[in-house]
Amino acid sequence: MQFLSDNAARVHPAVWAAMQAADAPDTPYDGDALSARLDQAFSALFGRPCAALWAATGTAANCLALAPLVPPHGAVVCHREAHIEIDEGGAPGFFLHGAKLILAEGEGAKLTPATLAAALDPIRRDVHQVQPQALSLTQASEYGRAYSPGELAALCDVADARGLRVHVDGARFANAAAHLGCSPAEACAADRIAALSFGFVKNGGMSAEAMVFFDPVLADVVRYRRKRAGHLQSKGRFLAAQILALLEGDLWLENARAANAAAQELAAACAGRLLHPVEANELFVRFSAAERAALRAQGFTFYDWGEGAARLVTAWNSAPADVAALARAIAAL
């Protein structure tokens, strides 16, 4: 009974069907008919003109989306526990040709205007110090916390005042949007940001993420950077097919709601054990070593998360019986 990661979830049947339907001759790379539909599909979703490109991994999507925002001598401001700092294996430095990450604080892996200012204020405006050029926010955060539209607006105000362009790491954007219950545009401040990495692999996709640029000129730059980085796949129609299948009929949102509902069922069983409010599909829970061993002995898999804690992750296809069994097991500890 798997609660390790939504990366391990099954591929949604609609995605398999779309990939099978795409298995016909077409123009290679991103010149196919399906890839050509991405701009229109995302423009309709966000209610504003945008340009969208596919990538095969979240690491590539994040770093390629940031690349046109930051010169090699610049920096990206992000949370100290942001994925681009903790879990990208140095990829931002590679894709951004040495640009630096400036780390800021914030409870629940969320930045605030005050913590953002605290990271920026000590930087002198001279050539002896790296100058910040972009702000990267994670929606939902590394601890499954969602930024409200008001919180995003406040951070964008600081970014605008400091001359920073904003990128949103949306590996679990669908889960954040489902929790917030607002429009996709409001869930990422589409009218204020430059780029969004829209995650699909964790939410029913197989091997496709989207880079959505609300300044379409940026997409023209990233097309060249994507090729140079070795991420221009020759059969791009299969990536586009996955994305379009999940956008169709808001399947991406339906899947996220299912994952979030499973997480809420577990949260109810965890009572006072929760380390963070559950606002997406991740739970961070206090368990002793003996309790973790007892749960694993019953067949549940999950990651330890530091001393005395564990991370549980639900997915679009978390079996109701497995979720109920884990809830009972936690309640019985």
Protein backbone atom coordinates (compact mmCIF):
# COMPACT_ATOMS: atom_id res chain seq x y z
CA MET A 1 0.00 0.00 0.00
CA GLN A 2 2.02 2.84 -1.45
CA PHE A 3 2.17 6.34 0.06
CA LEU A 4 5.76 7.09 -0.93
CA SER A 5 5.12 9.63 -3.68
CA ASP A 6 2.65 10.67 -6.32
CA ASN A 7 5.55 10.18 -8.76
CA ALA A 8 4.88 6.47 -8.35
CA ALA A 9 1.18 6.75 -9.25
CA ARG A 10 -0.30 4.98 -12.25
CA VAL A 11 -0.65 6.71 -15.59
CA HIS A 12 -4.27 7.70 -16.12
CA PRO A 13 -6.09 5.57 -18.73
CA ALA A 14 -7.05 8.71 -20.67
CA VAL A 15 -3.35 9.51 -21.04
CA TRP A 16 -2.57 6.03 -22.37
CA ALA A 17 -5.45 6.37 -24.84
CA ALA A 18 -4.25 9.77 -26.01
CA MET A 19 -0.72 8.49 -26.54
CA GLN A 20 -2.03 5.53 -28.52
CA ALA A 21 -4.09 7.90 -30.67
CA ALA A 22 -0.98 10.01 -31.24
CA ASP A 23 0.91 7.01 -32.61
CA ALA A 24 0.63 8.09 -36.21
CA PRO A 25 3.04 9.88 -38.54
CA ASP A 26 3.33 13.62 -37.94
CA THR A 27 5.93 16.35 -38.08
CA PRO A 28 8.79 15.57 -35.67
CA TYR A 29 9.99 17.52 -32.64
CA ASP A 30 7.39 20.16 -31.69
CA GLY A 31 6.04 20.78 -35.17
CA ASP A 32 3.19 18.29 -34.79
CA ALA A 33 -0.49 19.14 -34.62
CA LEU A 34 -0.82 18.27 -30.91
CA SER A 35 2.07 20.47 -29.81
CA ALA A 36 0.58 23.28 -31.88
CA ARG A 37 -2.59 23.10 -29.77
CA LEU A 38 -0.86 23.77 -26.46
CA ASP A 39 -0.81 27.55 -26.72
CA GLN A 40 -4.55 27.70 -27.35
CA ALA A 41 -5.36 25.14 -24.64
CA PHE A 42 -3.45 26.98 -21.93
CA SER A 43 -4.63 30.40 -23.10
CA ALA A 44 -8.19 29.15 -22.68
CA LEU A 45 -7.41 27.67 -19.26
CA PHE A 46 -5.85 30.85 -17.89
CA GLY A 47 -8.03 33.32 -19.76
CA ARG A 48 -5.11 35.22 -21.25
CA PRO A 49 -2.64 34.77 -24.11
CA CYS A 50 0.25 32.51 -23.25
CA ALA A 51 2.71 30.16 -24.90
CA ALA A 52 3.33 26.62 -23.69
CA LEU A 53 6.14 24.14 -24.28
CA TRP A 54 6.49 20.58 -23.08
CA ALA A 55 9.37 19.07 -21.14
CA ALA A 56 9.90 15.54 -19.92
CA THR A 57 10.80 16.26 -16.28
CA GLY A 58 9.99 18.73 -13.56
CA THR A 59 13.67 19.58 -13.18
CA ALA A 60 13.91 20.59 -16.83
CA ALA A 61 10.63 22.48 -16.69
CA ASN A 62 11.69 24.52 -13.67
CA CYS A 63 15.17 25.31 -14.86
CA LEU A 64 14.31 26.02 -18.49
CA ALA A 65 11.44 28.26 -17.39
CA LEU A 66 13.81 30.22 -15.15
CA ALA A 67 16.62 30.41 -17.71
CA PRO A 68 15.36 33.39 -19.75
CA LEU A 69 14.61 35.34 -16.56
CA VAL A 70 18.11 35.27 -15.09
CA PRO A 71 21.52 36.05 -16.64
CA PRO A 72 24.56 34.01 -15.53
CA HIS A 73 25.66 36.86 -13.25
CA GLY A 74 22.23 37.10 -11.59
CA ALA A 75 20.28 35.21 -8.96
CA VAL A 76 16.92 33.62 -8.22
CA VAL A 77 15.34 34.17 -4.81
CA CYS A 78 13.53 31.12 -3.45
CA HIS A 79 12.63 29.49 -0.17
CA ARG A 80 15.42 27.71 1.67
CA GLU A 81 13.54 24.42 1.21
CA ALA A 82 12.39 25.00 -2.36
CA HIS A 83 12.76 22.06 -4.70
CA ILE A 84 15.19 23.98 -6.91
CA GLU A 85 17.50 24.30 -3.88
CA ILE A 86 17.03 20.94 -2.16
CA ASP A 87 16.12 18.39 -4.82
CA GLU A 88 17.35 19.43 -8.26
CA GLY A 89 20.93 18.12 -7.93
CA GLY A 90 22.49 21.44 -8.90
CA ALA A 91 20.44 21.67 -12.11
CA PRO A 92 19.59 25.38 -11.67
CA GLY A 93 23.28 26.28 -11.70
CA PHE A 94 23.76 24.11 -14.79
CA PHE A 95 20.79 25.42 -16.80
CA LEU A 96 21.27 29.02 -15.64
CA HIS A 97 25.01 28.92 -16.44
CA GLY A 98 26.13 29.62 -12.89
CA ALA A 99 23.39 31.95 -11.67
CA LYS A 100 23.00 31.84 -7.90
CA LEU A 101 20.09 30.91 -5.65
CA ILE A 102 19.40 33.36 -2.79
CA LEU A 103 17.59 31.58 0.02
CA ALA A 104 14.79 33.08 2.08
CA GLU A 105 12.82 31.83 5.07
CA GLY A 106 9.15 31.21 5.78
CA GLU A 107 6.95 28.84 7.77
CA GLY A 108 5.63 25.84 5.86
CA ALA A 109 8.19 26.46 3.07
CA LYS A 110 6.20 29.56 2.08
CA LEU A 111 7.73 32.98 1.59
CA THR A 112 6.15 36.16 2.95
CA PRO A 113 6.80 39.77 1.93
CA ALA A 114 8.76 40.22 5.17
CA THR A 115 11.00 37.17 4.69
CA LEU A 116 11.50 38.05 1.04
CA ALA A 117 12.55 41.58 1.99
CA ALA A 118 14.87 40.20 4.67
CA ALA A 119 16.72 38.20 2.00
CA LEU A 120 16.90 41.13 -0.43
CA ASP A 121 17.65 44.09 1.83
CA PRO A 122 21.29 43.19 2.66
CA ILE A 123 22.26 43.01 -1.03
CA ARG A 124 24.16 46.08 -2.18
CA ARG A 125 23.41 47.43 -5.63
CA ASP A 126 26.96 47.18 -6.94
CA VAL A 127 29.00 44.84 -9.10
CA HIS A 128 30.61 43.15 -6.12
CA GLN A 129 27.42 41.31 -5.19
CA VAL A 130 25.16 39.03 -7.20
CA GLN A 131 21.95 40.86 -8.11
CA PRO A 132 18.59 39.08 -7.86
CA GLN A 133 16.65 38.94 -11.11
CA ALA A 134 13.82 36.52 -10.41
CA LEU A 135 11.63 35.14 -7.66
CA SER A 136 10.58 31.47 -7.67
CA LEU A 137 7.52 30.45 -5.64
CA THR A 138 6.35 26.86 -5.14
CA GLN A 139 2.59 26.25 -5.41
CA ALA A 140 1.90 24.07 -3.41
CA SER A 141 4.99 24.38 -1.22
CA GLU A 142 7.39 21.63 -0.24
CA TYR A 143 5.24 21.04 2.84
CA GLY A 144 1.99 20.93 0.88
CA ARG A 145 0.96 24.47 1.77
CA ALA A 146 -0.96 26.58 -0.75
CA TYR A 147 -0.43 30.29 -1.36
CA SER A 148 -3.75 32.12 -1.44
CA PRO A 149 -4.36 34.63 -4.27
CA GLY A 150 -3.85 37.42 -1.74
CA GLU A 151 -0.52 35.99 -0.60
CA LEU A 152 0.65 35.66 -4.20
CA ALA A 153 -0.38 39.24 -4.95
CA ALA A 154 1.56 40.55 -1.94
CA LEU A 155 4.71 38.70 -3.01
CA CYS A 156 4.32 39.91 -6.59
CA ASP A 157 4.07 43.47 -5.26
CA VAL A 158 7.48 43.06 -3.62
CA ALA A 159 8.89 41.46 -6.75
CA ASP A 160 7.62 44.30 -8.94
CA ALA A 161 9.08 46.91 -6.61
CA ARG A 162 12.46 45.14 -6.69
CA GLY A 163 12.48 44.50 -10.44
CA LEU A 164 12.16 40.71 -10.13
CA ARG A 165 10.27 38.56 -12.61
CA VAL A 166 8.26 35.75 -11.01
CA HIS A 167 8.31 32.03 -11.76
CA VAL A 168 5.96 29.53 -10.11
CA ASP A 169 7.08 25.94 -9.57
CA GLY A 170 3.77 24.13 -9.98
CA ALA A 171 4.81 20.51 -9.61
CA ARG A 172 1.65 20.16 -7.49
CA PHE A 173 -0.15 23.19 -8.90
CA ALA A 174 -3.24 21.07 -9.56
CA ASN A 175 -3.48 20.12 -5.89
CA ALA A 176 -3.10 23.75 -4.81
CA ALA A 177 -5.77 24.91 -7.26
CA ALA A 178 -8.13 22.16 -6.10
CA HIS A 179 -7.63 23.19 -2.47
CA LEU A 180 -8.08 26.90 -3.12
CA GLY A 181 -11.23 26.43 -5.21
CA CYS A 182 -10.41 29.49 -7.30
CA SER A 183 -9.66 29.81 -11.00
CA PRO A 184 -6.34 28.47 -12.34
CA ALA A 185 -5.33 32.05 -13.13
CA GLU A 186 -5.94 33.15 -9.55
CA ALA A 187 -4.12 30.10 -8.16
CA CYS A 188 -0.87 31.20 -9.82
CA ALA A 189 -1.39 34.98 -10.23
CA ALA A 190 -1.26 34.54 -14.00
CA ASP A 191 -1.63 38.28 -14.56
CA ARG A 192 1.49 38.99 -12.47
CA ILE A 193 4.00 36.22 -13.23
CA ALA A 194 6.26 35.46 -16.17
CA ALA A 195 6.26 31.66 -16.16
CA LEU A 196 4.64 28.61 -14.56
CA SER A 197 5.98 25.07 -14.49
CA PHE A 198 2.70 23.13 -14.63
CA GLY A 199 3.12 19.61 -13.27
CA PHE A 200 1.38 16.65 -14.90
CA VAL A 201 3.59 13.64 -14.08
CA LYS A 202 2.49 13.61 -10.42
CA ASN A 203 -1.14 13.92 -11.45
CA GLY A 204 -1.75 11.13 -13.96
CA GLY A 205 0.81 11.87 -16.64
CA MET A 206 3.65 9.60 -17.70
CA SER A 207 6.47 11.82 -18.92
CA ALA A 208 5.21 15.32 -19.67
CA GLU A 209 5.33 18.65 -17.86
CA ALA A 210 4.33 22.04 -19.27
CA MET A 211 6.21 25.33 -19.22
CA VAL A 212 3.62 28.08 -19.52
CA PHE A 213 4.89 31.55 -20.39
CA PHE A 214 2.59 34.48 -19.74
CA ASP A 215 5.10 36.58 -21.69
CA PRO A 216 5.03 34.58 -24.94
CA VAL A 217 8.35 36.09 -26.09
CA LEU A 218 10.07 34.02 -23.40
CA ALA A 219 8.92 30.81 -25.09
CA ASP A 220 10.85 31.75 -28.22
CA VAL A 221 14.04 31.93 -26.16
CA VAL A 222 13.34 28.66 -24.36
CA ARG A 223 12.81 26.79 -27.63
CA TYR A 224 16.52 27.28 -28.32
CA ARG A 225 17.56 26.58 -24.75
CA ARG A 226 15.48 23.40 -24.68
CA LYS A 227 17.25 22.07 -27.76
CA ARG A 228 20.68 23.04 -26.44
CA ALA A 229 19.92 21.26 -23.16
CA GLY A 230 19.00 18.03 -24.92
CA HIS A 231 15.29 18.21 -24.09
CA LEU A 232 13.80 18.62 -27.56
CA GLN A 233 12.30 15.18 -28.06
CA SER A 234 11.91 13.99 -31.62
CA LYS A 235 8.41 12.57 -30.97
CA GLY A 236 7.08 15.49 -29.00
CA ARG A 237 3.51 14.67 -29.99
CA PHE A 238 3.47 12.01 -27.25
CA LEU A 239 4.24 14.61 -24.59
CA ALA A 240 1.66 17.03 -25.97
CA ALA A 241 -0.90 14.23 -26.07
CA GLN A 242 -0.50 13.58 -22.34
CA ILE A 243 -0.94 17.24 -21.44
CA LEU A 244 -3.97 17.73 -23.66
CA ALA A 245 -5.61 14.57 -22.32
CA LEU A 246 -5.31 15.84 -18.74
CA LEU A 247 -6.57 19.30 -19.64
CA GLU A 248 -9.58 17.85 -21.47
CA GLY A 249 -12.68 18.22 -19.33
CA ASP A 250 -10.53 19.43 -16.41
CA LEU A 251 -9.26 15.92 -15.74
CA TRP A 252 -6.17 17.48 -14.14
CA LEU A 253 -8.42 19.11 -11.54
CA GLU A 254 -10.54 16.00 -11.01
CA ASN A 255 -7.41 13.94 -10.36
CA ALA A 256 -6.07 16.52 -7.91
CA ARG A 257 -9.36 16.62 -6.02
CA ALA A 258 -9.24 12.84 -5.62
CA ALA A 259 -5.69 12.98 -4.26
CA ASN A 260 -6.57 15.85 -1.91
CA ALA A 261 -9.66 14.04 -0.62
CA ALA A 262 -7.57 10.99 0.22
CA ALA A 263 -5.10 13.22 2.07
CA GLN A 264 -7.92 14.78 4.07
CA GLU A 265 -9.17 11.35 5.11
CA LEU A 266 -5.71 10.54 6.46
CA ALA A 267 -5.42 13.96 8.08
CA ALA A 268 -8.57 13.31 10.08
CA ALA A 269 -6.98 10.15 11.47
CA CYS A 270 -3.72 11.90 12.33
CA ALA A 271 -5.33 14.32 14.79
CA GLY A 272 -2.55 16.08 16.76
CA ARG A 273 0.25 14.34 14.88
CA LEU A 274 0.28 16.74 11.91
CA LEU A 275 3.33 18.99 11.54
CA HIS A 276 1.66 21.19 8.91
CA PRO A 277 -1.90 21.88 7.79
CA VAL A 278 -2.90 19.60 4.92
CA GLU A 279 -3.68 21.80 1.92
CA ALA A 280 -2.73 19.50 -0.94
CA ASN A 281 -1.86 15.80 -1.10
CA GLU A 282 1.09 15.61 1.29
CA LEU A 283 1.02 14.94 5.03
CA PHE A 284 3.93 15.43 7.41
CA VAL A 285 3.22 13.40 10.52
CA ARG A 286 4.87 12.76 13.89
CA PHE A 287 5.60 9.05 14.31
CA SER A 288 8.10 7.38 16.61
CA ALA A 289 10.50 4.85 15.14
CA ALA A 290 8.41 2.06 16.64
CA GLU A 291 5.22 3.46 15.12
CA ARG A 292 6.78 3.76 11.70
CA ALA A 293 7.99 0.17 11.95
CA ALA A 294 4.50 -0.95 12.98
CA LEU A 295 2.90 0.75 9.98
CA ARG A 296 5.47 -0.73 7.59
CA ALA A 297 4.89 -4.17 9.07
CA GLN A 298 1.25 -3.81 7.98
CA GLY A 299 2.32 -3.14 4.39
CA PHE A 300 2.32 0.66 4.20
CA THR A 301 5.20 2.39 2.42
CA PHE A 302 6.23 6.01 3.01
CA TYR A 303 9.36 8.11 3.50
CA ASP A 304 10.86 9.04 6.85
CA TRP A 305 11.13 12.81 7.12
CA GLY A 306 13.78 13.64 9.64
CA GLU A 307 13.83 12.47 13.22
CA GLY A 308 10.42 11.40 14.51
CA ALA A 309 8.40 12.20 11.40
CA ALA A 310 7.20 10.74 8.12
CA ARG A 311 5.81 12.04 4.85
CA LEU A 312 2.68 10.46 3.41
CA VAL A 313 1.66 11.29 -0.16
CA THR A 314 -1.64 10.41 -1.78
CA ALA A 315 -2.28 10.32 -5.51
CA TRP A 316 -5.12 10.51 -8.01
CA ASN A 317 -5.41 6.73 -7.92
CA SER A 318 -4.94 6.08 -4.20
CA ALA A 319 -7.18 3.10 -3.55
CA PRO A 320 -10.00 3.97 -1.13
CA ALA A 321 -9.46 0.69 0.67
CA ASP A 322 -5.75 1.44 1.17
CA VAL A 323 -6.48 4.97 2.41
CA ALA A 324 -9.10 3.68 4.84
CA ALA A 325 -6.74 0.96 6.06
CA LEU A 326 -3.94 3.46 6.71
CA ALA A 327 -6.33 5.81 8.49
CA ARG A 328 -7.44 2.97 10.76
CA ALA A 329 -3.84 1.92 11.40
CA ILE A 330 -2.80 5.45 12.35
CA ALA A 331 -5.79 5.93 14.61
CA ALA A 332 -4.95 2.66 16.36
CA LEU A 333 -1.35 3.60 17.17
